[in-house]
Amino acid sequence: MSQALATINTAAPVISRERALKILSKSLYRDLRQNGYEPKQIVAVASELISLVTSDIKEDAQLV
């Protein structure tokens, strides 16, 4: 029984973080749209974020 509780407890932060990321994404999208950014410009922001994360991952891989 305690093992099942441990599984639930470790899964909860992951779910909370995923939910927080979804909320953050929606909030950022709404803010950008309300400030006059067009969908094409928002895609450019998303692409830049992906590029930055990709660079970060590559740097981490080189350290290993």
C-alpha atoms as a PDB file:
ATOM      1  CA  MET A   1       0.000   0.000   0.000  1.00  0.00           C
ATOM      2  CA  SER A   2       2.759   2.489   0.876  1.00  0.00           C
ATOM      3  CA  GLN A   3       4.450   1.712  -2.424  1.00  0.00           C
ATOM      4  CA  ALA A   4       1.271   2.738  -4.267  1.00  0.00           C
ATOM      5  CA  LEU A   5       1.178   5.989  -2.284  1.00  0.00           C
ATOM      6  CA  ALA A   6       4.802   6.676  -3.156  1.00  0.00           C
ATOM      7  CA  THR A   7       3.962   6.235  -6.824  1.00  0.00           C
ATOM      8  CA  ILE A   8       1.063   8.659  -6.533  1.00  0.00           C
ATOM      9  CA  ASN A   9       3.181  11.208  -4.680  1.00  0.00           C
ATOM     10  CA  THR A  10       5.990  11.145  -7.236  1.00  0.00           C
ATOM     11  CA  ALA A  11       3.552  11.396 -10.147  1.00  0.00           C
ATOM     12  CA  ALA A  12       1.719  14.396  -8.688  1.00  0.00           C
ATOM     13  CA  PRO A  13       4.531  16.940  -9.220  1.00  0.00           C
ATOM     14  CA  VAL A  14       4.900  15.868 -12.851  1.00  0.00           C
ATOM     15  CA  ILE A  15       1.193  16.365 -13.468  1.00  0.00           C
ATOM     16  CA  SER A  16       1.282  19.737 -11.701  1.00  0.00           C
ATOM     17  CA  ARG A  17       4.280  20.846 -13.764  1.00  0.00           C
ATOM     18  CA  GLU A  18       2.626  19.730 -17.008  1.00  0.00           C
ATOM     19  CA  ARG A  19      -0.529  21.622 -16.048  1.00  0.00           C
ATOM     20  CA  ALA A  20       1.505  24.701 -15.136  1.00  0.00           C
ATOM     21  CA  LEU A  21       3.264  24.602 -18.517  1.00  0.00           C
ATOM     22  CA  LYS A  22      -0.075  24.354 -20.302  1.00  0.00           C
ATOM     23  CA  ILE A  23      -1.432  27.330 -18.336  1.00  0.00           C
ATOM     24  CA  LEU A  24       1.738  29.326 -18.997  1.00  0.00           C
ATOM     25  CA  SER A  25       1.544  28.576 -22.721  1.00  0.00           C
ATOM     26  CA  LYS A  26      -2.085  29.630 -22.961  1.00  0.00           C
ATOM     27  CA  SER A  27      -1.391  32.787 -20.982  1.00  0.00           C
ATOM     28  CA  LEU A  28       1.580  33.721 -23.157  1.00  0.00           C
ATOM     29  CA  TYR A  29      -0.448  33.077 -26.310  1.00  0.00           C
ATOM     30  CA  ARG A  30      -3.346  35.230 -25.080  1.00  0.00           C
ATOM     31  CA  ASP A  31      -0.993  38.033 -24.042  1.00  0.00           C
ATOM     32  CA  LEU A  32       0.749  38.028 -27.411  1.00  0.00           C
ATOM     33  CA  ARG A  33      -2.562  38.064 -29.292  1.00  0.00           C
ATOM     34  CA  GLN A  34      -3.951  40.863 -27.092  1.00  0.00           C
ATOM     35  CA  ASN A  35      -0.821  42.885 -27.815  1.00  0.00           C
ATOM     36  CA  GLY A  36      -1.328  42.657 -31.559  1.00  0.00           C
ATOM     37  CA  TYR A  37       0.917  39.759 -32.503  1.00  0.00           C
ATOM     38  CA  GLU A  38      -0.349  37.699 -35.407  1.00  0.00           C
ATOM     39  CA  PRO A  39      -0.291  33.898 -35.446  1.00  0.00           C
ATOM     40  CA  LYS A  40       2.683  33.899 -37.842  1.00  0.00           C
ATOM     41  CA  GLN A  41       4.676  36.021 -35.378  1.00  0.00           C
ATOM     42  CA  ILE A  42       3.736  33.739 -32.495  1.00  0.00           C
ATOM     43  CA  VAL A  43       4.987  30.762 -34.503  1.00  0.00           C
ATOM     44  CA  ALA A  44       8.277  32.661 -34.935  1.00  0.00           C
ATOM     45  CA  VAL A  45       8.512  33.066 -31.138  1.00  0.00           C
ATOM     46  CA  ALA A  46       7.791  29.365 -30.649  1.00  0.00           C
ATOM     47  CA  SER A  47      10.444  28.476 -33.239  1.00  0.00           C
ATOM     48  CA  GLU A  48      12.997  30.643 -31.463  1.00  0.00           C
ATOM     49  CA  LEU A  49      12.192  28.950 -28.142  1.00  0.00           C
ATOM     50  CA  ILE A  50      12.648  25.538 -29.759  1.00  0.00           C
ATOM     51  CA  SER A  51      15.963  26.676 -31.214  1.00  0.00           C
ATOM     52  CA  LEU A  52      17.189  27.830 -27.813  1.00  0.00           C
ATOM     53  CA  VAL A  53      16.167  24.570 -26.148  1.00  0.00           C
ATOM     54  CA  THR A  54      17.812  22.561 -28.942  1.00  0.00           C
ATOM     55  CA  SER A  55      21.067  24.477 -28.448  1.00  0.00           C
ATOM     56  CA  ASP A  56      20.869  23.851 -24.721  1.00  0.00           C
ATOM     57  CA  ILE A  57      20.360  20.114 -25.255  1.00  0.00           C
ATOM     58  CA  LYS A  58      23.305  19.956 -27.674  1.00  0.00           C
ATOM     59  CA  GLU A  59      25.558  21.707 -25.154  1.00  0.00           C
ATOM     60  CA  ASP A  60      24.485  19.285 -22.426  1.00  0.00           C
ATOM     61  CA  ALA A  61      25.165  16.306 -24.718  1.00  0.00           C
ATOM     62  CA  GLN A  62      28.687  17.548 -25.418  1.00  0.00           C
ATOM     63  CA  LEU A  63      29.441  17.648 -21.695  1.00  0.00           C
ATOM     64  CA  VAL A  64      28.640  13.951 -21.312  1.00  0.00           C
END
